[in-house]
Amino acid sequence: MRPGSKVYATRIAFAITAGVLSAVINPMLFTLSSHVLAHAMIAFVAPIFIALFLYIASYHFAKSVIKVSPTSLNDPSYMYKGGIFTYIIVWIVTWSLAATICHP
């Protein structure tokens, strides 16, 4: 498998993980506050932080565990921003499906 494909596959795997975690953890956080505005902020911010954290973790995973260096790619910036739109779409779709399955 080429280095760019490894980065892409890693991003997709981490996006699926982020989607499932967003669906499972988000309703659990509702019990932390009794205020409606706090519920809305938690529901909006928590999944974004989960997705952002796992996107950054996917970079470090690809670099450290899979051993893909930015110089081995055609465009070294692909290591940072390659597959970002796919990551976002897969995260949102997985989050929606997992939330629908877990909390109908």
N, C-alpha and C. Protein backbone atom coordinates (compact mmCIF):
# COMPACT_ATOMS: atom_id res chain seq x y z
N MET A 1 0.85 -1.17 0.00
CA MET A 1 0.00 0.00 0.00
C MET A 1 0.90 1.24 0.00
N ARG A 2 0.55 2.21 -0.82
CA ARG A 2 1.34 3.44 -0.91
C ARG A 2 1.17 4.28 0.35
N PRO A 3 2.14 5.14 0.66
CA PRO A 3 2.05 5.95 1.89
C PRO A 3 0.83 6.85 1.93
N GLY A 4 0.45 7.45 0.79
CA GLY A 4 -0.74 8.30 0.76
C GLY A 4 -2.01 7.51 1.05
N SER A 5 -2.07 6.29 0.58
CA SER A 5 -3.23 5.43 0.85
C SER A 5 -3.30 5.03 2.32
N LYS A 6 -2.14 4.85 2.92
CA LYS A 6 -2.11 4.52 4.35
C LYS A 6 -2.65 5.68 5.18
N VAL A 7 -2.25 6.90 4.84
CA VAL A 7 -2.75 8.08 5.55
C VAL A 7 -4.26 8.19 5.36
N TYR A 8 -4.73 8.00 4.15
CA TYR A 8 -6.16 8.10 3.83
C TYR A 8 -6.97 7.05 4.59
N ALA A 9 -6.50 5.82 4.60
CA ALA A 9 -7.20 4.74 5.30
C ALA A 9 -7.21 4.99 6.81
N THR A 10 -6.11 5.52 7.33
CA THR A 10 -6.05 5.86 8.75
C THR A 10 -7.07 6.93 9.09
N ARG A 11 -7.19 7.93 8.23
CA ARG A 11 -8.16 9.01 8.48
C ARG A 11 -9.59 8.47 8.48
N ILE A 12 -9.89 7.56 7.57
CA ILE A 12 -11.24 6.99 7.51
C ILE A 12 -11.53 6.17 8.76
N ALA A 13 -10.57 5.36 9.19
CA ALA A 13 -10.77 4.56 10.41
C ALA A 13 -10.98 5.45 11.63
N PHE A 14 -10.21 6.52 11.73
CA PHE A 14 -10.36 7.42 12.86
C PHE A 14 -11.66 8.22 12.77
N ALA A 15 -12.13 8.52 11.57
CA ALA A 15 -13.41 9.22 11.41
C ALA A 15 -14.58 8.33 11.85
N ILE A 16 -14.51 7.07 11.54
CA ILE A 16 -15.55 6.14 11.98
C ILE A 16 -15.55 6.04 13.51
N THR A 17 -14.37 5.96 14.08
CA THR A 17 -14.25 5.93 15.54
C THR A 17 -14.80 7.20 16.17
N ALA A 18 -14.48 8.35 15.58
CA ALA A 18 -14.97 9.63 16.09
C ALA A 18 -16.49 9.72 16.00
N GLY A 19 -17.07 9.21 14.92
CA GLY A 19 -18.51 9.23 14.77
C GLY A 19 -19.22 8.39 15.81
N VAL A 20 -18.69 7.21 16.06
CA VAL A 20 -19.30 6.34 17.06
C VAL A 20 -19.14 6.94 18.46
N LEU A 21 -17.96 7.45 18.77
CA LEU A 21 -17.76 8.08 20.08
C LEU A 21 -18.64 9.31 20.26
N SER A 22 -18.81 10.09 19.22
CA SER A 22 -19.68 11.27 19.31
C SER A 22 -21.12 10.87 19.60
N ALA A 23 -21.57 9.79 19.02
CA ALA A 23 -22.95 9.35 19.23
C ALA A 23 -23.14 8.75 20.61
N VAL A 24 -22.13 8.06 21.12
CA VAL A 24 -22.27 7.38 22.40
C VAL A 24 -22.02 8.33 23.57
N ILE A 25 -21.02 9.17 23.47
CA ILE A 25 -20.63 10.03 24.59
C ILE A 25 -21.54 11.25 24.72
N ASN A 26 -22.01 11.79 23.64
CA ASN A 26 -22.79 13.03 23.68
C ASN A 26 -24.02 12.93 24.59
N PRO A 27 -24.87 11.91 24.51
CA PRO A 27 -26.02 11.85 25.42
C PRO A 27 -25.62 11.64 26.89
N MET A 28 -24.48 11.00 27.12
CA MET A 28 -24.01 10.81 28.49
C MET A 28 -23.66 12.14 29.16
N LEU A 29 -23.22 13.11 28.38
CA LEU A 29 -22.84 14.39 28.93
C LEU A 29 -24.03 15.25 29.32
N PHE A 30 -25.22 14.90 28.86
CA PHE A 30 -26.41 15.68 29.20
C PHE A 30 -26.73 15.65 30.69
N THR A 31 -26.31 14.62 31.37
CA THR A 31 -26.61 14.51 32.80
C THR A 31 -25.74 15.42 33.65
N LEU A 32 -24.76 16.08 33.07
CA LEU A 32 -23.85 16.93 33.83
C LEU A 32 -24.47 18.27 34.22
N SER A 33 -25.44 18.74 33.49
CA SER A 33 -26.00 20.05 33.76
C SER A 33 -27.52 20.00 33.61
N SER A 34 -28.18 20.85 34.42
CA SER A 34 -29.64 20.92 34.33
C SER A 34 -30.12 22.12 33.53
N HIS A 35 -29.21 22.93 33.05
CA HIS A 35 -29.55 24.13 32.31
C HIS A 35 -29.65 23.80 30.82
N VAL A 36 -30.68 24.35 30.15
CA VAL A 36 -30.94 24.04 28.74
C VAL A 36 -29.82 24.56 27.85
N LEU A 37 -29.32 25.76 28.12
CA LEU A 37 -28.24 26.32 27.31
C LEU A 37 -26.98 25.48 27.42
N ALA A 38 -26.71 24.97 28.61
CA ALA A 38 -25.54 24.11 28.79
C ALA A 38 -25.70 22.82 27.99
N HIS A 39 -26.92 22.28 27.94
CA HIS A 39 -27.17 21.09 27.12
C HIS A 39 -26.85 21.37 25.66
N ALA A 40 -27.28 22.51 25.17
CA ALA A 40 -27.05 22.85 23.77
C ALA A 40 -25.57 23.02 23.48
N MET A 41 -24.85 23.66 24.39
CA MET A 41 -23.42 23.86 24.18
C MET A 41 -22.67 22.53 24.21
N ILE A 42 -23.05 21.67 25.15
CA ILE A 42 -22.41 20.36 25.23
C ILE A 42 -22.70 19.55 23.96
N ALA A 43 -23.95 19.58 23.52
CA ALA A 43 -24.33 18.82 22.32
C ALA A 43 -23.62 19.33 21.08
N PHE A 44 -23.27 20.60 21.06
CA PHE A 44 -22.60 21.18 19.90
C PHE A 44 -21.09 21.04 19.96
N VAL A 45 -20.50 21.26 21.12
CA VAL A 45 -19.04 21.35 21.24
C VAL A 45 -18.37 20.00 21.44
N ALA A 46 -18.96 19.12 22.24
CA ALA A 46 -18.31 17.85 22.57
C ALA A 46 -17.98 17.00 21.34
N PRO A 47 -18.91 16.79 20.41
CA PRO A 47 -18.56 15.99 19.22
C PRO A 47 -17.48 16.65 18.35
N ILE A 48 -17.47 17.97 18.30
CA ILE A 48 -16.44 18.65 17.51
C ILE A 48 -15.07 18.43 18.14
N PHE A 49 -14.98 18.51 19.47
CA PHE A 49 -13.71 18.27 20.14
C PHE A 49 -13.26 16.82 19.97
N ILE A 50 -14.20 15.89 20.01
CA ILE A 50 -13.86 14.48 19.80
C ILE A 50 -13.29 14.28 18.40
N ALA A 51 -13.97 14.85 17.40
CA ALA A 51 -13.51 14.70 16.01
C ALA A 51 -12.16 15.39 15.80
N LEU A 52 -11.98 16.56 16.36
CA LEU A 52 -10.72 17.28 16.21
C LEU A 52 -9.58 16.53 16.89
N PHE A 53 -9.83 16.04 18.08
CA PHE A 53 -8.81 15.27 18.80
C PHE A 53 -8.39 14.03 18.01
N LEU A 54 -9.36 13.31 17.48
CA LEU A 54 -9.04 12.09 16.73
C LEU A 54 -8.41 12.40 15.37
N TYR A 55 -8.72 13.56 14.78
CA TYR A 55 -8.04 13.93 13.54
C TYR A 55 -6.55 14.16 13.81
N ILE A 56 -6.25 14.86 14.88
CA ILE A 56 -4.86 15.09 15.26
C ILE A 56 -4.19 13.77 15.64
N ALA A 57 -4.93 12.91 16.32
CA ALA A 57 -4.38 11.60 16.68
C ALA A 57 -4.10 10.75 15.44
N SER A 58 -4.91 10.91 14.39
CA SER A 58 -4.66 10.13 13.17
C SER A 58 -3.35 10.55 12.51
N TYR A 59 -3.01 11.83 12.61
CA TYR A 59 -1.71 12.29 12.08
C TYR A 59 -0.57 11.62 12.83
N HIS A 60 -0.65 11.64 14.15
CA HIS A 60 0.42 11.04 14.96
C HIS A 60 0.45 9.52 14.80
N PHE A 61 -0.70 8.90 14.63
CA PHE A 61 -0.75 7.46 14.40
C PHE A 61 -0.08 7.10 13.08
N ALA A 62 -0.39 7.85 12.04
CA ALA A 62 0.22 7.57 10.73
C ALA A 62 1.72 7.81 10.77
N LYS A 63 2.13 8.82 11.49
CA LYS A 63 3.56 9.16 11.53
C LYS A 63 4.34 8.20 12.42
N SER A 64 3.79 7.82 13.58
CA SER A 64 4.54 7.02 14.55
C SER A 64 4.33 5.52 14.39
N VAL A 65 3.10 5.09 14.25
CA VAL A 65 2.81 3.65 14.23
C VAL A 65 2.97 3.08 12.83
N ILE A 66 2.40 3.73 11.83
CA ILE A 66 2.48 3.23 10.46
C ILE A 66 3.80 3.63 9.80
N LYS A 67 4.48 4.60 10.39
CA LYS A 67 5.80 5.05 9.91
C LYS A 67 5.75 5.69 8.53
N VAL A 68 4.77 6.56 8.31
CA VAL A 68 4.70 7.33 7.08
C VAL A 68 5.30 8.70 7.36
N SER A 69 6.34 9.04 6.64
CA SER A 69 6.96 10.36 6.83
C SER A 69 6.43 11.31 5.75
N PRO A 70 6.35 12.60 6.07
CA PRO A 70 5.87 13.56 5.08
C PRO A 70 6.72 13.59 3.81
N THR A 71 7.99 13.27 3.93
CA THR A 71 8.86 13.29 2.74
C THR A 71 8.60 12.12 1.80
N SER A 72 7.95 11.05 2.30
CA SER A 72 7.67 9.91 1.44
C SER A 72 6.43 10.13 0.57
N LEU A 73 5.72 11.22 0.79
CA LEU A 73 4.53 11.55 0.01
C LEU A 73 4.89 12.49 -1.14
N ASN A 74 4.09 12.50 -2.18
CA ASN A 74 4.33 13.43 -3.30
C ASN A 74 4.25 14.87 -2.84
N ASP A 75 3.29 15.15 -1.99
CA ASP A 75 3.11 16.49 -1.42
C ASP A 75 3.19 16.35 0.10
N PRO A 76 4.24 16.87 0.73
CA PRO A 76 4.39 16.70 2.18
C PRO A 76 3.22 17.27 3.00
N SER A 77 2.50 18.25 2.47
CA SER A 77 1.37 18.80 3.22
C SER A 77 0.18 17.82 3.25
N TYR A 78 0.21 16.79 2.42
CA TYR A 78 -0.85 15.78 2.43
C TYR A 78 -0.92 15.08 3.78
N MET A 79 0.21 15.01 4.47
CA MET A 79 0.24 14.37 5.77
C MET A 79 -0.66 15.10 6.76
N TYR A 80 -0.77 16.41 6.62
CA TYR A 80 -1.57 17.21 7.54
C TYR A 80 -3.01 17.36 7.08
N LYS A 81 -3.19 17.65 5.80
CA LYS A 81 -4.53 17.97 5.34
C LYS A 81 -5.13 16.99 4.35
N GLY A 82 -4.46 15.93 4.06
CA GLY A 82 -4.97 14.94 3.12
C GLY A 82 -6.14 14.17 3.71
N GLY A 83 -7.23 14.11 2.99
CA GLY A 83 -8.40 13.37 3.43
C GLY A 83 -9.26 14.09 4.45
N ILE A 84 -9.07 15.40 4.61
CA ILE A 84 -9.83 16.13 5.64
C ILE A 84 -11.32 16.20 5.31
N PHE A 85 -11.67 16.42 4.05
CA PHE A 85 -13.09 16.50 3.69
C PHE A 85 -13.75 15.12 3.79
N THR A 86 -13.04 14.10 3.40
CA THR A 86 -13.56 12.74 3.57
C THR A 86 -13.73 12.42 5.04
N TYR A 87 -12.77 12.84 5.86
CA TYR A 87 -12.85 12.64 7.31
C TYR A 87 -14.12 13.28 7.86
N ILE A 88 -14.39 14.52 7.47
CA ILE A 88 -15.56 15.23 7.98
C ILE A 88 -16.85 14.55 7.55
N ILE A 89 -16.93 14.17 6.29
CA ILE A 89 -18.15 13.53 5.78
C ILE A 89 -18.36 12.17 6.44
N VAL A 90 -17.32 11.36 6.54
CA VAL A 90 -17.45 10.04 7.16
C VAL A 90 -17.81 10.19 8.64
N TRP A 91 -17.21 11.18 9.32
CA TRP A 91 -17.53 11.43 10.73
C TRP A 91 -19.01 11.79 10.91
N ILE A 92 -19.52 12.69 10.10
CA ILE A 92 -20.91 13.12 10.23
C ILE A 92 -21.88 11.98 9.90
N VAL A 93 -21.60 11.24 8.85
CA VAL A 93 -22.48 10.12 8.47
C VAL A 93 -22.45 9.04 9.54
N THR A 94 -21.27 8.69 10.03
CA THR A 94 -21.17 7.67 11.07
C THR A 94 -21.83 8.13 12.36
N TRP A 95 -21.64 9.40 12.70
CA TRP A 95 -22.27 9.95 13.89
C TRP A 95 -23.79 9.86 13.78
N SER A 96 -24.33 10.24 12.62
CA SER A 96 -25.78 10.18 12.41
C SER A 96 -26.31 8.75 12.50
N LEU A 97 -25.64 7.83 11.84
CA LEU A 97 -26.10 6.44 11.86
C LEU A 97 -25.99 5.83 13.26
N ALA A 98 -24.87 6.08 13.93
CA ALA A 98 -24.68 5.52 15.27
C ALA A 98 -25.66 6.12 16.26
N ALA A 99 -25.93 7.42 16.15
CA ALA A 99 -26.89 8.05 17.05
C ALA A 99 -28.30 7.52 16.80
N THR A 100 -28.62 7.26 15.56
CA THR A 100 -29.94 6.71 15.23
C THR A 100 -30.08 5.29 15.75
N ILE A 101 -29.04 4.50 15.65
CA ILE A 101 -29.09 3.12 16.11
C ILE A 101 -29.09 3.06 17.64
N CYS A 102 -28.23 3.85 18.28
CA CYS A 102 -28.10 3.81 19.74
C CYS A 102 -29.27 4.47 20.46
N HIS A 103 -29.79 5.54 19.90
CA HIS A 103 -30.83 6.33 20.57
C HIS A 103 -31.97 6.63 19.59
N PRO A 104 -32.79 5.63 19.31
CA PRO A 104 -33.85 5.82 18.30
C PRO A 104 -34.93 6.80 18.73
